[in-house]
Amino acid sequence: MAAKNIMIVGVGGQGTLLTSRILGGLAIAGGYDVKLSEVHGMAQRGGSVVTFVRYGDKVAEPIVEEGQADVIIAFERLEALRYAHFLKKDGALIINDWRIDPMPVVIGAAQYPENIIETLGEEHRVYTVNATEEAKKIGNPRVFNLIVLGVAAQHMDFTKEQWYEVIEKTVPPKTIEINKKAFDVGYHL
């Protein structure tokens, strides 16, 4: 199998690293060679964070080149816009329809772009979900990333049972059930 390239983009504190660990664990369980890479400052809450997950029969490098991502999972609209140029022509962009103002917007030095999702939809195959609101409905807004991952799972070749197995091994034991429930919500949207 040729390498599959997945990017997870978001803002510090949104769970991009956890999401990449789940995807990496899933690919390892599927018998693939896997490379994970964190590119931007994870420790800085509020800063842009990018992780790469590459898997296949043989993967040499952990970084996804521009124009090579099969799937981009974006936890926030502006982050989707910032990294859309990494998507392949036939790739899928899965976006949590949520806005987090970066510091330049907060202090009035810049404006948050309008119509991001519509603009991205002009050139890319875009799937949106308001995962943050869906997570609130099931009682825990912090599991929105698993809802987005559930939507992304529809574009990957792993069974729901394989996803559950990796979720059970990756998330803290006391949150397994809520994370599986969140994944189900996204999987069925």
C-alpha atoms as a PDB file:
ATOM      1  CA  MET A   1       0.000   0.000   0.000  1.00  0.00           C
ATOM      2  CA  ALA A   2       1.264   3.460  -0.867  1.00  0.00           C
ATOM      3  CA  ALA A   3       1.674   5.783   2.094  1.00  0.00           C
ATOM      4  CA  LYS A   4      -1.450   7.594   3.314  1.00  0.00           C
ATOM      5  CA  ASN A   5      -0.871  11.118   4.541  1.00  0.00           C
ATOM      6  CA  ILE A   6      -3.046  12.661   7.222  1.00  0.00           C
ATOM      7  CA  MET A   7      -2.658  16.067   8.844  1.00  0.00           C
ATOM      8  CA  ILE A   8      -4.356  17.164  12.031  1.00  0.00           C
ATOM      9  CA  VAL A   9      -4.422  20.929  12.502  1.00  0.00           C
ATOM     10  CA  GLY A  10      -5.796  22.976  15.341  1.00  0.00           C
ATOM     11  CA  VAL A  11      -5.014  25.273  18.196  1.00  0.00           C
ATOM     12  CA  GLY A  12      -2.935  24.298  21.220  1.00  0.00           C
ATOM     13  CA  GLY A  13      -5.040  22.470  23.795  1.00  0.00           C
ATOM     14  CA  GLN A  14      -7.541  21.006  21.304  1.00  0.00           C
ATOM     15  CA  GLY A  15      -6.158  17.471  21.345  1.00  0.00           C
ATOM     16  CA  THR A  16      -4.246  17.260  18.080  1.00  0.00           C
ATOM     17  CA  LEU A  17      -1.531  15.132  19.675  1.00  0.00           C
ATOM     18  CA  LEU A  18      -4.073  12.714  21.193  1.00  0.00           C
ATOM     19  CA  THR A  19      -5.808  12.456  17.832  1.00  0.00           C
ATOM     20  CA  SER A  20      -2.535  11.699  16.050  1.00  0.00           C
ATOM     21  CA  ARG A  21      -1.760   9.010  18.649  1.00  0.00           C
ATOM     22  CA  ILE A  22      -5.136   7.385  18.015  1.00  0.00           C
ATOM     23  CA  LEU A  23      -4.575   7.436  14.240  1.00  0.00           C
ATOM     24  CA  GLY A  24      -1.018   6.168  14.620  1.00  0.00           C
ATOM     25  CA  GLY A  25      -2.141   3.389  16.945  1.00  0.00           C
ATOM     26  CA  LEU A  26      -4.849   2.411  14.496  1.00  0.00           C
ATOM     27  CA  ALA A  27      -2.386   2.156  11.618  1.00  0.00           C
ATOM     28  CA  ILE A  28       0.091   0.150  13.730  1.00  0.00           C
ATOM     29  CA  ALA A  29      -2.717  -2.233  14.752  1.00  0.00           C
ATOM     30  CA  GLY A  30      -3.505  -2.575  11.036  1.00  0.00           C
ATOM     31  CA  GLY A  31       0.059  -3.791  10.431  1.00  0.00           C
ATOM     32  CA  TYR A  32       1.366  -0.657   8.715  1.00  0.00           C
ATOM     33  CA  ASP A  33       4.644   1.178   9.046  1.00  0.00           C
ATOM     34  CA  VAL A  34       3.786   4.472  10.767  1.00  0.00           C
ATOM     35  CA  LYS A  35       5.498   7.808  11.224  1.00  0.00           C
ATOM     36  CA  LEU A  36       4.143  10.597  13.446  1.00  0.00           C
ATOM     37  CA  SER A  37       5.433  14.121  13.633  1.00  0.00           C
ATOM     38  CA  GLU A  38       4.538  17.243  15.575  1.00  0.00           C
ATOM     39  CA  VAL A  39       5.537  20.407  13.780  1.00  0.00           C
ATOM     40  CA  HIS A  40       4.427  23.420  15.816  1.00  0.00           C
ATOM     41  CA  GLY A  41       4.574  24.263  19.523  1.00  0.00           C
ATOM     42  CA  MET A  42       2.305  21.913  21.414  1.00  0.00           C
ATOM     43  CA  ALA A  43       3.048  23.544  24.742  1.00  0.00           C
ATOM     44  CA  GLN A  44       1.638  26.898  23.715  1.00  0.00           C
ATOM     45  CA  ARG A  45      -2.095  27.010  24.315  1.00  0.00           C
ATOM     46  CA  GLY A  46      -3.776  29.073  21.678  1.00  0.00           C
ATOM     47  CA  GLY A  47      -0.965  28.644  19.126  1.00  0.00           C
ATOM     48  CA  SER A  48      -1.268  26.797  15.830  1.00  0.00           C
ATOM     49  CA  VAL A  49      -0.510  23.069  16.117  1.00  0.00           C
ATOM     50  CA  VAL A  50       0.090  20.628  13.264  1.00  0.00           C
ATOM     51  CA  THR A  51       0.676  16.894  13.489  1.00  0.00           C
ATOM     52  CA  PHE A  52       1.303  14.464  10.663  1.00  0.00           C
ATOM     53  CA  VAL A  53       0.383  10.786  10.531  1.00  0.00           C
ATOM     54  CA  ARG A  54       1.834   8.816   7.628  1.00  0.00           C
ATOM     55  CA  TYR A  55       1.209   5.091   7.232  1.00  0.00           C
ATOM     56  CA  GLY A  56       1.657   2.427   4.565  1.00  0.00           C
ATOM     57  CA  ASP A  57       3.760  -0.614   3.715  1.00  0.00           C
ATOM     58  CA  LYS A  58       6.930   1.461   4.088  1.00  0.00           C
ATOM     59  CA  VAL A  59       7.094   5.082   5.205  1.00  0.00           C
ATOM     60  CA  ALA A  60      10.441   6.847   5.001  1.00  0.00           C
ATOM     61  CA  GLU A  61       9.670  10.341   6.297  1.00  0.00           C
ATOM     62  CA  PRO A  62       7.269  11.705   8.926  1.00  0.00           C
ATOM     63  CA  ILE A  63       6.463  15.023   7.226  1.00  0.00           C
ATOM     64  CA  VAL A  64       3.680  15.507   4.667  1.00  0.00           C
ATOM     65  CA  GLU A  65       4.706  17.690   1.731  1.00  0.00           C
ATOM     66  CA  GLU A  66       2.493  20.468   0.348  1.00  0.00           C
ATOM     67  CA  GLY A  67      -0.155  19.042  -1.985  1.00  0.00           C
ATOM     68  CA  GLN A  68       0.238  15.493  -0.609  1.00  0.00           C
ATOM     69  CA  ALA A  69      -2.253  15.131   2.287  1.00  0.00           C
ATOM     70  CA  ASP A  70      -5.006  12.601   1.637  1.00  0.00           C
ATOM     71  CA  VAL A  71      -7.010  13.943   4.577  1.00  0.00           C
ATOM     72  CA  ILE A  72      -6.722  17.105   6.647  1.00  0.00           C
ATOM     73  CA  ILE A  73      -8.588  17.077   9.934  1.00  0.00           C
ATOM     74  CA  ALA A  74      -9.064  20.667  11.116  1.00  0.00           C
ATOM     75  CA  PHE A  75     -10.331  21.413  14.615  1.00  0.00           C
ATOM     76  CA  GLU A  76     -10.934  25.079  13.801  1.00  0.00           C
ATOM     77  CA  ARG A  77     -11.894  26.989  10.612  1.00  0.00           C
ATOM     78  CA  LEU A  78      -8.903  29.315  10.351  1.00  0.00           C
ATOM     79  CA  GLU A  79      -6.496  26.408  10.832  1.00  0.00           C
ATOM     80  CA  ALA A  80      -8.207  24.650   7.903  1.00  0.00           C
ATOM     81  CA  LEU A  81      -7.616  27.726   5.767  1.00  0.00           C
ATOM     82  CA  ARG A  82      -3.965  28.014   6.850  1.00  0.00           C
ATOM     83  CA  TYR A  83      -3.108  24.442   5.856  1.00  0.00           C
ATOM     84  CA  ALA A  84      -5.453  23.646   2.942  1.00  0.00           C
ATOM     85  CA  HIS A  85      -2.557  23.944   0.480  1.00  0.00           C
ATOM     86  CA  PHE A  86      -1.228  20.649   1.874  1.00  0.00           C
ATOM     87  CA  LEU A  87      -4.283  18.767   0.551  1.00  0.00           C
ATOM     88  CA  LYS A  88      -4.091  16.586  -2.554  1.00  0.00           C
ATOM     89  CA  LYS A  89      -6.351  17.551  -5.412  1.00  0.00           C
ATOM     90  CA  ASP A  90      -8.693  14.648  -4.574  1.00  0.00           C
ATOM     91  CA  GLY A  91      -8.157  14.794  -0.797  1.00  0.00           C
ATOM     92  CA  ALA A  92     -10.767  15.386   1.903  1.00  0.00           C
ATOM     93  CA  LEU A  93     -10.818  18.349   4.282  1.00  0.00           C
ATOM     94  CA  ILE A  94     -12.802  17.649   7.456  1.00  0.00           C
ATOM     95  CA  ILE A  95     -13.501  20.788   9.466  1.00  0.00           C
ATOM     96  CA  ASN A  96     -14.904  21.419  12.913  1.00  0.00           C
ATOM     97  CA  ASP A  97     -17.061  24.483  12.222  1.00  0.00           C
ATOM     98  CA  TRP A  98     -15.687  26.408  15.177  1.00  0.00           C
ATOM     99  CA  ARG A  99     -13.955  29.745  15.576  1.00  0.00           C
ATOM    100  CA  ILE A 100     -11.101  30.537  17.933  1.00  0.00           C
ATOM    101  CA  ASP A 101      -9.739  34.036  17.511  1.00  0.00           C
ATOM    102  CA  PRO A 102      -5.936  34.171  17.334  1.00  0.00           C
ATOM    103  CA  MET A 103      -4.157  36.869  19.332  1.00  0.00           C
ATOM    104  CA  PRO A 104      -3.892  39.382  16.427  1.00  0.00           C
ATOM    105  CA  VAL A 105      -7.699  39.250  16.104  1.00  0.00           C
ATOM    106  CA  VAL A 106      -8.196  39.487  19.875  1.00  0.00           C
ATOM    107  CA  ILE A 107      -6.087  42.663  20.121  1.00  0.00           C
ATOM    108  CA  GLY A 108      -7.660  44.215  17.017  1.00  0.00           C
ATOM    109  CA  ALA A 109      -4.573  44.053  14.786  1.00  0.00           C
ATOM    110  CA  ALA A 110      -6.259  41.699  12.290  1.00  0.00           C
ATOM    111  CA  GLN A 111      -9.694  40.483  11.288  1.00  0.00           C
ATOM    112  CA  TYR A 112     -10.882  36.900  11.282  1.00  0.00           C
ATOM    113  CA  PRO A 113     -11.556  35.923   7.638  1.00  0.00           C
ATOM    114  CA  GLU A 114     -15.198  35.586   6.592  1.00  0.00           C
ATOM    115  CA  ASN A 115     -16.703  32.643   4.670  1.00  0.00           C
ATOM    116  CA  ILE A 116     -13.766  30.298   5.254  1.00  0.00           C
ATOM    117  CA  ILE A 117     -15.698  27.086   4.696  1.00  0.00           C
ATOM    118  CA  GLU A 118     -17.382  28.384   1.546  1.00  0.00           C
ATOM    119  CA  THR A 119     -14.041  29.602   0.176  1.00  0.00           C
ATOM    120  CA  LEU A 120     -12.370  26.244   0.855  1.00  0.00           C
ATOM    121  CA  GLY A 121     -15.317  24.427  -0.732  1.00  0.00           C
ATOM    122  CA  GLU A 122     -14.639  26.169  -4.034  1.00  0.00           C
ATOM    123  CA  GLU A 123     -11.417  24.192  -4.522  1.00  0.00           C
ATOM    124  CA  HIS A 124     -11.606  21.248  -2.126  1.00  0.00           C
ATOM    125  CA  ARG A 125     -13.872  18.420  -1.041  1.00  0.00           C
ATOM    126  CA  VAL A 126     -14.986  19.765   2.343  1.00  0.00           C
ATOM    127  CA  TYR A 127     -16.943  18.039   5.105  1.00  0.00           C
ATOM    128  CA  THR A 128     -18.008  20.161   8.059  1.00  0.00           C
ATOM    129  CA  VAL A 129     -19.375  19.326  11.456  1.00  0.00           C
ATOM    130  CA  ASN A 130     -20.078  21.527  14.431  1.00  0.00           C
ATOM    131  CA  ALA A 131     -18.359  18.994  16.647  1.00  0.00           C
ATOM    132  CA  THR A 132     -18.046  21.331  19.593  1.00  0.00           C
ATOM    133  CA  GLU A 133     -21.822  21.783  19.793  1.00  0.00           C
ATOM    134  CA  GLU A 134     -22.386  18.051  19.254  1.00  0.00           C
ATOM    135  CA  ALA A 135     -19.955  17.287  22.098  1.00  0.00           C
ATOM    136  CA  LYS A 136     -21.860  19.645  24.391  1.00  0.00           C
ATOM    137  CA  LYS A 137     -25.053  17.710  23.603  1.00  0.00           C
ATOM    138  CA  ILE A 138     -23.493  14.482  24.861  1.00  0.00           C
ATOM    139  CA  GLY A 139     -22.229  16.184  28.006  1.00  0.00           C
ATOM    140  CA  ASN A 140     -18.538  16.839  27.432  1.00  0.00           C
ATOM    141  CA  PRO A 141     -17.328  19.602  25.082  1.00  0.00           C
ATOM    142  CA  ARG A 142     -13.740  18.346  25.376  1.00  0.00           C
ATOM    143  CA  VAL A 143     -14.477  15.241  23.259  1.00  0.00           C
ATOM    144  CA  PHE A 144     -15.264  17.248  20.116  1.00  0.00           C
ATOM    145  CA  ASN A 145     -12.037  15.936  18.559  1.00  0.00           C
ATOM    146  CA  LEU A 146     -13.366  12.364  18.645  1.00  0.00           C
ATOM    147  CA  ILE A 147     -16.509  13.544  16.852  1.00  0.00           C
ATOM    148  CA  VAL A 148     -14.349  15.055  14.111  1.00  0.00           C
ATOM    149  CA  LEU A 149     -12.314  11.840  14.040  1.00  0.00           C
ATOM    150  CA  GLY A 150     -15.544   9.867  13.613  1.00  0.00           C
ATOM    151  CA  VAL A 151     -16.346  11.923  10.515  1.00  0.00           C
ATOM    152  CA  ALA A 152     -12.796  11.376   9.232  1.00  0.00           C
ATOM    153  CA  ALA A 153     -13.101   7.627   9.837  1.00  0.00           C
ATOM    154  CA  GLN A 154     -15.651   7.475   7.039  1.00  0.00           C
ATOM    155  CA  HIS A 155     -12.779   8.313   4.646  1.00  0.00           C
ATOM    156  CA  MET A 156     -10.394   5.629   5.907  1.00  0.00           C
ATOM    157  CA  ASP A 157     -10.184   1.860   5.572  1.00  0.00           C
ATOM    158  CA  PHE A 158     -10.508   0.728   9.182  1.00  0.00           C
ATOM    159  CA  THR A 159     -13.485  -0.891  10.875  1.00  0.00           C
ATOM    160  CA  LYS A 160     -15.393   0.726  13.693  1.00  0.00           C
ATOM    161  CA  GLU A 161     -14.211  -2.092  15.981  1.00  0.00           C
ATOM    162  CA  GLN A 162     -10.572  -1.303  15.159  1.00  0.00           C
ATOM    163  CA  TRP A 163     -11.184   2.346  16.080  1.00  0.00           C
ATOM    164  CA  TYR A 164     -12.796   1.320  19.384  1.00  0.00           C
ATOM    165  CA  GLU A 165      -9.875  -0.937  20.264  1.00  0.00           C
ATOM    166  CA  VAL A 166      -7.350   1.873  19.773  1.00  0.00           C
ATOM    167  CA  ILE A 167      -9.517   4.444  21.588  1.00  0.00           C
ATOM    168  CA  GLU A 168      -9.683   2.067  24.571  1.00  0.00           C
ATOM    169  CA  LYS A 169      -5.862   1.807  24.608  1.00  0.00           C
ATOM    170  CA  THR A 170      -5.184   5.519  24.090  1.00  0.00           C
ATOM    171  CA  VAL A 171      -7.583   7.667  26.117  1.00  0.00           C
ATOM    172  CA  PRO A 172      -7.635   7.742  29.947  1.00  0.00           C
ATOM    173  CA  PRO A 173      -9.697   4.832  31.336  1.00  0.00           C
ATOM    174  CA  LYS A 174     -12.340   7.063  32.940  1.00  0.00           C
ATOM    175  CA  THR A 175     -13.063   8.721  29.566  1.00  0.00           C
ATOM    176  CA  ILE A 176     -13.241   5.647  27.319  1.00  0.00           C
ATOM    177  CA  GLU A 177     -17.033   5.487  27.133  1.00  0.00           C
ATOM    178  CA  ILE A 178     -17.587   9.210  26.441  1.00  0.00           C
ATOM    179  CA  ASN A 179     -14.843   9.147  23.791  1.00  0.00           C
ATOM    180  CA  LYS A 180     -16.394   6.109  22.090  1.00  0.00           C
ATOM    181  CA  LYS A 181     -19.794   7.807  22.228  1.00  0.00           C
ATOM    182  CA  ALA A 182     -18.297  10.959  20.662  1.00  0.00           C
ATOM    183  CA  PHE A 183     -16.639   8.888  17.929  1.00  0.00           C
ATOM    184  CA  ASP A 184     -20.033   7.254  17.208  1.00  0.00           C
ATOM    185  CA  VAL A 185     -21.716  10.647  16.864  1.00  0.00           C
ATOM    186  CA  GLY A 186     -19.196  11.694  14.218  1.00  0.00           C
ATOM    187  CA  TYR A 187     -19.206   8.292  12.520  1.00  0.00           C
ATOM    188  CA  HIS A 188     -22.959   8.545  11.942  1.00  0.00           C
ATOM    189  CA  LEU A 189     -23.108  12.165  10.757  1.00  0.00           C
END
